[in-house]
Amino acid sequence: MNNSWRYLVLLAILTLTVACGQPAAPPEGQVRLIPMEDFFRNPEKTDFKISPDGQYLAYLAPWERRLNVHVQKIGEDRSIRVTNATQRNIAGYLWAKNNRLVYLQDQAGDENFRAYAVDADSGNPKDLTPFPQVKVRLLDDLEESPDEILIAMNRRDPRFFDAYRANVYTGALKMVGENPGNITGWLTDNNGRLRVAVATDGLTDTLLYRGAEAEAFRPVAKTNFKDTLAPLYFTFDNRFLYVATNLGRDKQAIYRYDPEKGEKLDLIFENPEVDVSALLRSKQRKIITGVSFFTDKRQYHFFDADRQRL
């Protein structure tokens, strides 16, 4: 082992011992072994999410050695567990509505994850996708909809994931995006309408766009493996896109983009040293508030004084 690798291993051990609340180094002449379970044990709490109305906090915490969803009213100490996973950890969850959560869970480790909806105050799970040999992914909480979220599911064809609106109370499903087999991502506008997709053949990515959900997707732009054109959000009038792209430049930067014409518009932000691909926004105030990017650590540039103070 060369000196650089020795240094990295030592640094990792010291970091772990400090994180576990143990002394950073054993007494001189002694070697302290780190228990194996420290590397594999569940966190006490993780994956925190705030309810849409800001009144409750959800998180994953162990129960019966598996990570389950717990809900706690902000400002109170008491929490309730709303899931009962005992064989596998809950695979993911989101706040669907103020009083309703949706989570993913498989059966006996088969990795065919179903979507379940549960009340935030009492549990009472409902299987939204009770289909054998079908896998579900969570796409969008559809904040604008009072009773629906967006999921991806391979029910029609086990090879491909189509996009569906799912009613989190009744389980009613409506396909809003059929995947021909090459779509890897979907994007909704600010009204929750599915209007952008990204397709790939492994070497070339294609940005797909439609003006309304009733229309067919059409290709707008193609990029090869050297280039990036990543849709981030719709502008708040739902006419244009904010994208992260390096088209015509060395580093990725944030632009406003016209999907009807397939053209870059005004530059929003660039950094001459690194890629910029994360845009911050306030849906409530309908403004973009800043960007984040990595140099030696995550850095921020703010367009909005309120966000900067926060």
C-alpha atoms as a PDB file:
ATOM      1  CA  MET A   1       0.000   0.000   0.000  1.00  0.00           C
ATOM      2  CA  ASN A   2       1.559   3.333  -1.011  1.00  0.00           C
ATOM      3  CA  ASN A   3       1.637   6.354   1.286  1.00  0.00           C
ATOM      4  CA  SER A   4      -1.333   8.118  -0.330  1.00  0.00           C
ATOM      5  CA  TRP A   5      -3.568   5.091   0.225  1.00  0.00           C
ATOM      6  CA  ARG A   6      -2.318   4.732   3.814  1.00  0.00           C
ATOM      7  CA  TYR A   7      -3.259   8.361   4.396  1.00  0.00           C
ATOM      8  CA  LEU A   8      -6.768   7.896   2.931  1.00  0.00           C
ATOM      9  CA  VAL A   9      -7.446   4.794   5.041  1.00  0.00           C
ATOM     10  CA  LEU A  10      -6.233   6.529   8.196  1.00  0.00           C
ATOM     11  CA  LEU A  11      -8.344   9.590   7.415  1.00  0.00           C
ATOM     12  CA  ALA A  12     -11.441   7.408   6.901  1.00  0.00           C
ATOM     13  CA  ILE A  13     -10.891   5.621  10.224  1.00  0.00           C
ATOM     14  CA  LEU A  14     -10.385   8.874  12.109  1.00  0.00           C
ATOM     15  CA  THR A  15     -13.471  10.421  10.490  1.00  0.00           C
ATOM     16  CA  LEU A  16     -15.611   7.427  11.464  1.00  0.00           C
ATOM     17  CA  THR A  17     -14.382   7.365  15.043  1.00  0.00           C
ATOM     18  CA  VAL A  18     -15.127  11.063  15.475  1.00  0.00           C
ATOM     19  CA  ALA A  19     -18.573  10.644  13.896  1.00  0.00           C
ATOM     20  CA  CYS A  20     -19.347   7.781  16.272  1.00  0.00           C
ATOM     21  CA  GLY A  21     -18.508   9.950  19.244  1.00  0.00           C
ATOM     22  CA  GLN A  22     -15.355   7.985  20.124  1.00  0.00           C
ATOM     23  CA  PRO A  23     -11.881   9.375  20.731  1.00  0.00           C
ATOM     24  CA  ALA A  24     -10.145  10.324  17.514  1.00  0.00           C
ATOM     25  CA  ALA A  25      -7.107   8.209  18.427  1.00  0.00           C
ATOM     26  CA  PRO A  26      -6.463   5.401  20.942  1.00  0.00           C
ATOM     27  CA  PRO A  27      -3.896   5.779  23.715  1.00  0.00           C
ATOM     28  CA  GLU A  28      -0.306   5.539  22.575  1.00  0.00           C
ATOM     29  CA  GLY A  29       0.749   1.991  21.926  1.00  0.00           C
ATOM     30  CA  GLN A  30      -2.811   0.639  21.719  1.00  0.00           C
ATOM     31  CA  VAL A  31      -4.990  -0.155  18.716  1.00  0.00           C
ATOM     32  CA  ARG A  32      -8.757   0.264  19.007  1.00  0.00           C
ATOM     33  CA  LEU A  33     -10.812  -1.893  16.665  1.00  0.00           C
ATOM     34  CA  ILE A  34     -13.959  -0.360  15.193  1.00  0.00           C
ATOM     35  CA  PRO A  35     -16.933  -2.708  15.630  1.00  0.00           C
ATOM     36  CA  MET A  36     -18.139  -4.107  12.314  1.00  0.00           C
ATOM     37  CA  GLU A  37     -21.740  -3.104  13.055  1.00  0.00           C
ATOM     38  CA  ASP A  38     -20.708   0.564  13.055  1.00  0.00           C
ATOM     39  CA  PHE A  39     -20.222   0.293   9.304  1.00  0.00           C
ATOM     40  CA  PHE A  40     -23.616  -1.287   8.608  1.00  0.00           C
ATOM     41  CA  ARG A  41     -26.072  -0.183  11.284  1.00  0.00           C
ATOM     42  CA  ASN A  42     -29.118   1.886  10.419  1.00  0.00           C
ATOM     43  CA  PRO A  43     -29.101   5.606  11.164  1.00  0.00           C
ATOM     44  CA  GLU A  44     -31.203   6.741  14.110  1.00  0.00           C
ATOM     45  CA  LYS A  45     -33.160   9.085  11.820  1.00  0.00           C
ATOM     46  CA  THR A  46     -32.741   9.952   8.146  1.00  0.00           C
ATOM     47  CA  ASP A  47     -34.470  11.245   4.991  1.00  0.00           C
ATOM     48  CA  PHE A  48     -36.399  14.103   6.600  1.00  0.00           C
ATOM     49  CA  LYS A  49     -39.305  15.658   4.689  1.00  0.00           C
ATOM     50  CA  ILE A  50     -41.648  18.501   5.707  1.00  0.00           C
ATOM     51  CA  SER A  51     -45.354  18.296   4.922  1.00  0.00           C
ATOM     52  CA  PRO A  52     -46.692  20.710   2.272  1.00  0.00           C
ATOM     53  CA  ASP A  53     -48.355  22.887   4.939  1.00  0.00           C
ATOM     54  CA  GLY A  54     -45.192  22.946   7.054  1.00  0.00           C
ATOM     55  CA  GLN A  55     -46.910  21.462  10.116  1.00  0.00           C
ATOM     56  CA  TYR A  56     -45.372  17.975  10.221  1.00  0.00           C
ATOM     57  CA  LEU A  57     -42.013  16.304   9.781  1.00  0.00           C
ATOM     58  CA  ALA A  58     -41.612  12.802   8.349  1.00  0.00           C
ATOM     59  CA  TYR A  59     -38.450  10.724   8.488  1.00  0.00           C
ATOM     60  CA  LEU A  60     -37.167   7.161   8.320  1.00  0.00           C
ATOM     61  CA  ALA A  61     -36.160   5.501  11.589  1.00  0.00           C
ATOM     62  CA  PRO A  62     -35.536   1.853  12.571  1.00  0.00           C
ATOM     63  CA  TRP A  63     -38.347  -0.381  13.827  1.00  0.00           C
ATOM     64  CA  GLU A  64     -37.854  -4.138  14.006  1.00  0.00           C
ATOM     65  CA  ARG A  65     -34.402  -3.510  12.471  1.00  0.00           C
ATOM     66  CA  ARG A  66     -35.924  -1.953   9.342  1.00  0.00           C
ATOM     67  CA  LEU A  67     -36.279   1.701   8.345  1.00  0.00           C
ATOM     68  CA  ASN A  68     -39.915   2.797   8.583  1.00  0.00           C
ATOM     69  CA  VAL A  69     -41.707   6.103   8.082  1.00  0.00           C
ATOM     70  CA  HIS A  70     -42.416   8.132  11.219  1.00  0.00           C
ATOM     71  CA  VAL A  71     -44.378  11.380  11.483  1.00  0.00           C
ATOM     72  CA  GLN A  72     -43.963  14.091  14.102  1.00  0.00           C
ATOM     73  CA  LYS A  73     -45.799  17.370  14.548  1.00  0.00           C
ATOM     74  CA  ILE A  74     -43.243  20.161  14.465  1.00  0.00           C
ATOM     75  CA  GLY A  75     -42.716  21.534  17.971  1.00  0.00           C
ATOM     76  CA  GLU A  76     -43.740  18.288  19.701  1.00  0.00           C
ATOM     77  CA  ASP A  77     -41.590  15.394  20.929  1.00  0.00           C
ATOM     78  CA  ARG A  78     -44.038  12.568  20.235  1.00  0.00           C
ATOM     79  CA  SER A  79     -43.935  10.788  16.876  1.00  0.00           C
ATOM     80  CA  ILE A  80     -45.994   7.989  15.366  1.00  0.00           C
ATOM     81  CA  ARG A  81     -44.904   5.212  13.042  1.00  0.00           C
ATOM     82  CA  VAL A  82     -47.119   4.879   9.962  1.00  0.00           C
ATOM     83  CA  THR A  83     -45.481   1.916   8.180  1.00  0.00           C
ATOM     84  CA  ASN A  84     -44.845  -1.678   9.287  1.00  0.00           C
ATOM     85  CA  ALA A  85     -41.923  -2.961   7.208  1.00  0.00           C
ATOM     86  CA  THR A  86     -40.147  -5.894   8.867  1.00  0.00           C
ATOM     87  CA  GLN A  87     -38.358  -7.646   5.984  1.00  0.00           C
ATOM     88  CA  ARG A  88     -36.906  -4.755   3.962  1.00  0.00           C
ATOM     89  CA  ASN A  89     -36.406  -1.048   4.558  1.00  0.00           C
ATOM     90  CA  ILE A  90     -38.985   1.321   3.108  1.00  0.00           C
ATOM     91  CA  ALA A  91     -37.528   2.030  -0.335  1.00  0.00           C
ATOM     92  CA  GLY A  92     -38.665   5.643  -0.624  1.00  0.00           C
ATOM     93  CA  TYR A  93     -41.515   7.961   0.297  1.00  0.00           C
ATOM     94  CA  LEU A  94     -42.948  11.418  -0.220  1.00  0.00           C
ATOM     95  CA  TRP A  95     -45.601  13.703   1.169  1.00  0.00           C
ATOM     96  CA  ALA A  96     -48.459  13.360  -1.290  1.00  0.00           C
ATOM     97  CA  LYS A  97     -50.766  15.846   0.440  1.00  0.00           C
ATOM     98  CA  ASN A  98     -50.916  17.520   3.860  1.00  0.00           C
ATOM     99  CA  ASN A  99     -52.460  14.448   5.491  1.00  0.00           C
ATOM    100  CA  ARG A 100     -51.273  11.708   3.145  1.00  0.00           C
ATOM    101  CA  LEU A 101     -47.943  10.045   2.412  1.00  0.00           C
ATOM    102  CA  VAL A 102     -46.979   7.566  -0.300  1.00  0.00           C
ATOM    103  CA  TYR A 103     -44.189   5.032   0.164  1.00  0.00           C
ATOM    104  CA  LEU A 104     -42.605   2.167  -1.778  1.00  0.00           C
ATOM    105  CA  GLN A 105     -42.347  -1.370  -0.432  1.00  0.00           C
ATOM    106  CA  ASP A 106     -41.704  -4.752  -2.033  1.00  0.00           C
ATOM    107  CA  GLN A 107     -42.809  -8.232  -1.010  1.00  0.00           C
ATOM    108  CA  ALA A 108     -40.203 -10.523   0.583  1.00  0.00           C
ATOM    109  CA  GLY A 109     -37.331  -8.810  -1.214  1.00  0.00           C
ATOM    110  CA  ASP A 110     -38.550  -9.349  -4.793  1.00  0.00           C
ATOM    111  CA  GLU A 111     -37.800  -5.668  -5.651  1.00  0.00           C
ATOM    112  CA  ASN A 112     -41.191  -5.275  -7.334  1.00  0.00           C
ATOM    113  CA  PHE A 113     -41.919  -2.120  -5.364  1.00  0.00           C
ATOM    114  CA  ARG A 114     -45.568  -1.174  -4.957  1.00  0.00           C
ATOM    115  CA  ALA A 115     -46.863   2.273  -4.043  1.00  0.00           C
ATOM    116  CA  TYR A 116     -48.855   2.521  -0.825  1.00  0.00           C
ATOM    117  CA  ALA A 117     -50.707   5.548   0.510  1.00  0.00           C
ATOM    118  CA  VAL A 118     -51.063   6.073   4.241  1.00  0.00           C
ATOM    119  CA  ASP A 119     -52.690   8.641   6.522  1.00  0.00           C
ATOM    120  CA  ALA A 120     -50.209  10.828   8.345  1.00  0.00           C
ATOM    121  CA  ASP A 121     -52.015  10.491  11.680  1.00  0.00           C
ATOM    122  CA  SER A 122     -53.157   6.871  11.743  1.00  0.00           C
ATOM    123  CA  GLY A 123     -51.440   4.691   9.174  1.00  0.00           C
ATOM    124  CA  ASN A 124     -54.148   2.612   7.462  1.00  0.00           C
ATOM    125  CA  PRO A 125     -52.153   1.818   4.293  1.00  0.00           C
ATOM    126  CA  LYS A 126     -53.798   1.440   0.885  1.00  0.00           C
ATOM    127  CA  ASP A 127     -52.097  -0.432  -1.959  1.00  0.00           C
ATOM    128  CA  LEU A 128     -52.285   1.921  -4.940  1.00  0.00           C
ATOM    129  CA  THR A 129     -50.661  -0.520  -7.386  1.00  0.00           C
ATOM    130  CA  PRO A 130     -51.837  -4.060  -6.460  1.00  0.00           C
ATOM    131  CA  PHE A 131     -50.334  -5.694  -9.529  1.00  0.00           C
ATOM    132  CA  PRO A 132     -48.058  -8.781  -9.448  1.00  0.00           C
ATOM    133  CA  GLN A 133     -44.572  -8.550 -10.971  1.00  0.00           C
ATOM    134  CA  VAL A 134     -44.865  -4.791 -11.441  1.00  0.00           C
ATOM    135  CA  LYS A 135     -42.389  -2.157 -10.189  1.00  0.00           C
ATOM    136  CA  VAL A 136     -43.231   1.446  -9.301  1.00  0.00           C
ATOM    137  CA  ARG A 137     -41.110   4.591  -9.018  1.00  0.00           C
ATOM    138  CA  LEU A 138     -42.154   7.914  -7.482  1.00  0.00           C
ATOM    139  CA  LEU A 139     -41.805  10.858  -9.878  1.00  0.00           C
ATOM    140  CA  ASP A 140     -43.642  13.981  -8.659  1.00  0.00           C
ATOM    141  CA  ASP A 141     -45.885  14.898  -5.721  1.00  0.00           C
ATOM    142  CA  LEU A 142     -48.009  17.067  -8.056  1.00  0.00           C
ATOM    143  CA  GLU A 143     -48.323  19.794  -5.465  1.00  0.00           C
ATOM    144  CA  GLU A 144     -50.919  21.527  -7.627  1.00  0.00           C
ATOM    145  CA  SER A 145     -53.288  18.532  -7.569  1.00  0.00           C
ATOM    146  CA  PRO A 146     -55.518  17.946  -4.513  1.00  0.00           C
ATOM    147  CA  ASP A 147     -55.496  14.154  -4.800  1.00  0.00           C
ATOM    148  CA  GLU A 148     -52.917  12.895  -7.328  1.00  0.00           C
ATOM    149  CA  ILE A 149     -49.208  12.184  -7.640  1.00  0.00           C
ATOM    150  CA  LEU A 150     -47.119  11.120 -10.638  1.00  0.00           C
ATOM    151  CA  ILE A 151     -45.581   7.646 -10.691  1.00  0.00           C
ATOM    152  CA  ALA A 152     -43.689   5.516 -13.208  1.00  0.00           C
ATOM    153  CA  MET A 153     -44.794   1.902 -13.583  1.00  0.00           C
ATOM    154  CA  ASN A 154     -43.911  -1.005 -15.887  1.00  0.00           C
ATOM    155  CA  ARG A 155     -47.388  -2.568 -15.890  1.00  0.00           C
ATOM    156  CA  ARG A 156     -47.983  -2.299 -19.664  1.00  0.00           C
ATOM    157  CA  ASP A 157     -44.588  -3.774 -20.562  1.00  0.00           C
ATOM    158  CA  PRO A 158     -42.116  -5.057 -17.931  1.00  0.00           C
ATOM    159  CA  ARG A 159     -39.231  -3.497 -19.891  1.00  0.00           C
ATOM    160  CA  PHE A 160     -40.523   0.079 -19.912  1.00  0.00           C
ATOM    161  CA  PHE A 161     -41.766   2.545 -17.293  1.00  0.00           C
ATOM    162  CA  ASP A 162     -44.781   4.628 -18.329  1.00  0.00           C
ATOM    163  CA  ALA A 163     -45.937   7.720 -16.421  1.00  0.00           C
ATOM    164  CA  TYR A 164     -49.270   7.625 -14.563  1.00  0.00           C
ATOM    165  CA  ARG A 165     -51.334   9.951 -12.454  1.00  0.00           C
ATOM    166  CA  ALA A 166     -52.317   8.046  -9.311  1.00  0.00           C
ATOM    167  CA  ASN A 167     -55.128   9.117  -6.991  1.00  0.00           C
ATOM    168  CA  VAL A 168     -53.722   8.730  -3.477  1.00  0.00           C
ATOM    169  CA  TYR A 169     -57.157   8.162  -1.938  1.00  0.00           C
ATOM    170  CA  THR A 170     -58.946   5.908  -4.458  1.00  0.00           C
ATOM    171  CA  GLY A 171     -56.015   4.328  -6.307  1.00  0.00           C
ATOM    172  CA  ALA A 172     -57.408   5.395  -9.699  1.00  0.00           C
ATOM    173  CA  LEU A 173     -54.701   5.432 -12.381  1.00  0.00           C
ATOM    174  CA  LYS A 174     -54.402   7.333 -15.653  1.00  0.00           C
ATOM    175  CA  MET A 175     -51.483   6.944 -18.069  1.00  0.00           C
ATOM    176  CA  VAL A 176     -50.217  10.359 -19.170  1.00  0.00           C
ATOM    177  CA  GLY A 177     -46.932   9.322 -20.764  1.00  0.00           C
ATOM    178  CA  GLU A 178     -46.310   6.117 -22.719  1.00  0.00           C
ATOM    179  CA  ASN A 179     -42.667   5.122 -22.852  1.00  0.00           C
ATOM    180  CA  PRO A 180     -41.642   3.732 -26.251  1.00  0.00           C
ATOM    181  CA  GLY A 181     -38.637   2.181 -24.567  1.00  0.00           C
ATOM    182  CA  ASN A 182     -35.996   4.909 -24.560  1.00  0.00           C
ATOM    183  CA  ILE A 183     -37.323   7.539 -22.130  1.00  0.00           C
ATOM    184  CA  THR A 184     -35.237   7.951 -18.988  1.00  0.00           C
ATOM    185  CA  GLY A 185     -36.786  11.066 -17.420  1.00  0.00           C
ATOM    186  CA  TRP A 186     -39.999  13.116 -17.255  1.00  0.00           C
ATOM    187  CA  LEU A 187     -40.727  16.734 -16.276  1.00  0.00           C
ATOM    188  CA  THR A 188     -44.008  18.454 -15.404  1.00  0.00           C
ATOM    189  CA  ASP A 189     -44.816  22.129 -15.755  1.00  0.00           C
ATOM    190  CA  ASN A 190     -45.931  24.363 -12.887  1.00  0.00           C
ATOM    191  CA  ASN A 191     -49.519  23.141 -13.268  1.00  0.00           C
ATOM    192  CA  GLY A 192     -48.454  19.519 -12.906  1.00  0.00           C
ATOM    193  CA  ARG A 193     -48.842  18.674 -16.607  1.00  0.00           C
ATOM    194  CA  LEU A 194     -46.347  16.213 -18.080  1.00  0.00           C
ATOM    195  CA  ARG A 195     -44.768  18.083 -20.987  1.00  0.00           C
ATOM    196  CA  VAL A 196     -41.055  17.183 -21.198  1.00  0.00           C
ATOM    197  CA  ALA A 197     -39.206  13.885 -21.473  1.00  0.00           C
ATOM    198  CA  VAL A 198     -35.609  12.835 -22.075  1.00  0.00           C
ATOM    199  CA  ALA A 199     -34.858   9.837 -24.290  1.00  0.00           C
ATOM    200  CA  THR A 200     -31.549   8.101 -24.964  1.00  0.00           C
ATOM    201  CA  ASP A 201     -30.093   5.404 -27.198  1.00  0.00           C
ATOM    202  CA  GLY A 202     -26.990   5.089 -25.041  1.00  0.00           C
ATOM    203  CA  LEU A 203     -24.916   7.611 -26.978  1.00  0.00           C
ATOM    204  CA  THR A 204     -27.365  10.338 -27.963  1.00  0.00           C
ATOM    205  CA  ASP A 205     -29.890  12.040 -25.688  1.00  0.00           C
ATOM    206  CA  THR A 206     -33.025  13.620 -27.124  1.00  0.00           C
ATOM    207  CA  LEU A 207     -35.079  16.342 -25.461  1.00  0.00           C
ATOM    208  CA  LEU A 208     -38.788  15.749 -26.127  1.00  0.00           C
ATOM    209  CA  TYR A 209     -41.488  18.394 -25.702  1.00  0.00           C
ATOM    210  CA  ARG A 210     -45.225  18.870 -26.083  1.00  0.00           C
ATOM    211  CA  GLY A 211     -47.405  21.923 -25.569  1.00  0.00           C
ATOM    212  CA  ALA A 212     -50.139  19.996 -23.715  1.00  0.00           C
ATOM    213  CA  GLU A 213     -50.671  16.507 -22.315  1.00  0.00           C
ATOM    214  CA  ALA A 214     -53.123  15.688 -25.126  1.00  0.00           C
ATOM    215  CA  GLU A 215     -50.380  16.218 -27.726  1.00  0.00           C
ATOM    216  CA  ALA A 216     -47.663  13.803 -28.796  1.00  0.00           C
ATOM    217  CA  PHE A 217     -44.057  14.386 -27.760  1.00  0.00           C
ATOM    218  CA  ARG A 218     -41.777  15.687 -30.482  1.00  0.00           C
ATOM    219  CA  PRO A 219     -37.960  15.883 -30.535  1.00  0.00           C
ATOM    220  CA  VAL A 220     -36.514  19.326 -29.847  1.00  0.00           C
ATOM    221  CA  ALA A 221     -32.758  18.806 -29.539  1.00  0.00           C
ATOM    222  CA  LYS A 222     -30.199  16.014 -29.609  1.00  0.00           C
ATOM    223  CA  THR A 223     -26.919  15.882 -27.699  1.00  0.00           C
ATOM    224  CA  ASN A 224     -24.076  13.372 -27.844  1.00  0.00           C
ATOM    225  CA  PHE A 225     -22.163  11.895 -24.919  1.00  0.00           C
ATOM    226  CA  LYS A 226     -19.905  14.978 -24.735  1.00  0.00           C
ATOM    227  CA  ASP A 227     -22.728  17.479 -24.342  1.00  0.00           C
ATOM    228  CA  THR A 228     -25.450  18.167 -21.786  1.00  0.00           C
ATOM    229  CA  LEU A 229     -28.882  19.725 -22.142  1.00  0.00           C
ATOM    230  CA  ALA A 230     -30.663  18.963 -18.872  1.00  0.00           C
ATOM    231  CA  PRO A 231     -34.162  20.403 -18.279  1.00  0.00           C
ATOM    232  CA  LEU A 232     -34.564  21.664 -14.707  1.00  0.00           C
ATOM    233  CA  TYR A 233     -37.896  23.505 -14.411  1.00  0.00           C
ATOM    234  CA  PHE A 234     -40.437  25.344 -16.489  1.00  0.00           C
ATOM    235  CA  THR A 235     -40.484  29.108 -16.178  1.00  0.00           C
ATOM    236  CA  PHE A 236     -43.466  30.205 -14.096  1.00  0.00           C
ATOM    237  CA  ASP A 237     -45.513  31.159 -17.169  1.00  0.00           C
ATOM    238  CA  ASN A 238     -44.942  27.563 -18.436  1.00  0.00           C
ATOM    239  CA  ARG A 239     -43.638  28.870 -21.801  1.00  0.00           C
ATOM    240  CA  PHE A 240     -39.913  28.245 -21.460  1.00  0.00           C
ATOM    241  CA  LEU A 241     -37.512  25.954 -19.640  1.00  0.00           C
ATOM    242  CA  TYR A 242     -34.598  26.529 -17.319  1.00  0.00           C
ATOM    243  CA  VAL A 243     -31.817  24.180 -18.437  1.00  0.00           C
ATOM    244  CA  ALA A 244     -28.268  23.282 -17.451  1.00  0.00           C
ATOM    245  CA  THR A 245     -26.189  23.000 -20.603  1.00  0.00           C
ATOM    246  CA  ASN A 246     -22.660  23.133 -21.985  1.00  0.00           C
ATOM    247  CA  LEU A 247     -23.764  23.530 -25.610  1.00  0.00           C
ATOM    248  CA  GLY A 248     -21.410  25.988 -27.277  1.00  0.00           C
ATOM    249  CA  ARG A 249     -19.262  26.325 -24.170  1.00  0.00           C
ATOM    250  CA  ASP A 250     -16.843  24.430 -21.949  1.00  0.00           C
ATOM    251  CA  LYS A 251     -18.720  24.419 -18.610  1.00  0.00           C
ATOM    252  CA  GLN A 252     -22.386  23.804 -17.864  1.00  0.00           C
ATOM    253  CA  ALA A 253     -24.342  26.964 -17.084  1.00  0.00           C
ATOM    254  CA  ILE A 254     -27.992  27.833 -16.417  1.00  0.00           C
ATOM    255  CA  TYR A 255     -29.985  29.252 -19.342  1.00  0.00           C
ATOM    256  CA  ARG A 256     -33.563  30.028 -20.211  1.00  0.00           C
ATOM    257  CA  TYR A 257     -34.526  27.824 -23.154  1.00  0.00           C
ATOM    258  CA  ASP A 258     -37.276  27.954 -25.763  1.00  0.00           C
ATOM    259  CA  PRO A 259     -38.563  24.367 -26.285  1.00  0.00           C
ATOM    260  CA  GLU A 260     -40.770  25.377 -29.190  1.00  0.00           C
ATOM    261  CA  LYS A 261     -37.786  26.568 -31.238  1.00  0.00           C
ATOM    262  CA  GLY A 262     -35.077  24.497 -29.559  1.00  0.00           C
ATOM    263  CA  GLU A 263     -32.981  27.585 -28.787  1.00  0.00           C
ATOM    264  CA  LYS A 264     -31.004  28.891 -25.844  1.00  0.00           C
ATOM    265  CA  LEU A 265     -32.210  32.295 -24.660  1.00  0.00           C
ATOM    266  CA  ASP A 266     -30.649  34.424 -21.928  1.00  0.00           C
ATOM    267  CA  LEU A 267     -27.853  33.245 -19.643  1.00  0.00           C
ATOM    268  CA  ILE A 268     -29.007  33.015 -16.013  1.00  0.00           C
ATOM    269  CA  PHE A 269     -25.724  32.102 -14.312  1.00  0.00           C
ATOM    270  CA  GLU A 270     -22.283  30.710 -15.099  1.00  0.00           C
ATOM    271  CA  ASN A 271     -19.125  29.964 -13.150  1.00  0.00           C
ATOM    272  CA  PRO A 272     -15.863  30.079 -15.115  1.00  0.00           C
ATOM    273  CA  GLU A 273     -14.280  27.308 -13.037  1.00  0.00           C
ATOM    274  CA  VAL A 274     -16.947  24.596 -12.608  1.00  0.00           C
ATOM    275  CA  ASP A 275     -20.226  23.267 -13.980  1.00  0.00           C
ATOM    276  CA  VAL A 276     -23.437  24.802 -12.621  1.00  0.00           C
ATOM    277  CA  SER A 277     -26.443  22.501 -12.788  1.00  0.00           C
ATOM    278  CA  ALA A 278     -28.654  23.224  -9.748  1.00  0.00           C
ATOM    279  CA  LEU A 279     -31.235  26.018  -9.751  1.00  0.00           C
ATOM    280  CA  LEU A 280     -33.121  27.165  -6.638  1.00  0.00           C
ATOM    281  CA  ARG A 281     -36.650  28.549  -6.835  1.00  0.00           C
ATOM    282  CA  SER A 282     -39.667  29.605  -4.785  1.00  0.00           C
ATOM    283  CA  LYS A 283     -42.888  28.219  -6.227  1.00  0.00           C
ATOM    284  CA  GLN A 284     -44.899  30.263  -3.745  1.00  0.00           C
ATOM    285  CA  ARG A 285     -43.362  33.581  -4.810  1.00  0.00           C
ATOM    286  CA  LYS A 286     -42.794  32.436  -8.409  1.00  0.00           C
ATOM    287  CA  ILE A 287     -39.162  33.490  -8.616  1.00  0.00           C
ATOM    288  CA  ILE A 288     -35.807  31.808  -9.036  1.00  0.00           C
ATOM    289  CA  THR A 289     -33.780  32.436  -5.905  1.00  0.00           C
ATOM    290  CA  GLY A 290     -30.261  31.207  -6.638  1.00  0.00           C
ATOM    291  CA  VAL A 291     -27.963  28.438  -7.834  1.00  0.00           C
ATOM    292  CA  SER A 292     -25.611  25.994  -6.174  1.00  0.00           C
ATOM    293  CA  PHE A 293     -22.401  24.406  -7.451  1.00  0.00           C
ATOM    294  CA  PHE A 294     -19.359  22.569  -6.140  1.00  0.00           C
ATOM    295  CA  THR A 295     -15.805  23.834  -5.861  1.00  0.00           C
ATOM    296  CA  ASP A 296     -14.014  22.595  -2.731  1.00  0.00           C
ATOM    297  CA  LYS A 297     -17.514  22.274  -1.219  1.00  0.00           C
ATOM    298  CA  ARG A 298     -21.054  23.270  -2.126  1.00  0.00           C
ATOM    299  CA  GLN A 299     -21.269  26.991  -2.899  1.00  0.00           C
ATOM    300  CA  TYR A 300     -24.302  29.215  -3.412  1.00  0.00           C
ATOM    301  CA  HIS A 301     -25.032  32.313  -5.442  1.00  0.00           C
ATOM    302  CA  PHE A 302     -28.302  34.003  -4.546  1.00  0.00           C
ATOM    303  CA  PHE A 303     -30.571  36.185  -6.661  1.00  0.00           C
ATOM    304  CA  ASP A 304     -32.955  36.752  -3.760  1.00  0.00           C
ATOM    305  CA  ALA A 305     -32.186  38.425  -0.428  1.00  0.00           C
ATOM    306  CA  ASP A 306     -34.822  36.454   1.494  1.00  0.00           C
ATOM    307  CA  ARG A 307     -33.367  33.116   0.384  1.00  0.00           C
ATOM    308  CA  GLN A 308     -29.875  34.323   1.188  1.00  0.00           C
ATOM    309  CA  ARG A 309     -30.897  35.302   4.730  1.00  0.00           C
ATOM    310  CA  LEU A 310     -32.601  31.946   5.183  1.00  0.00           C
END
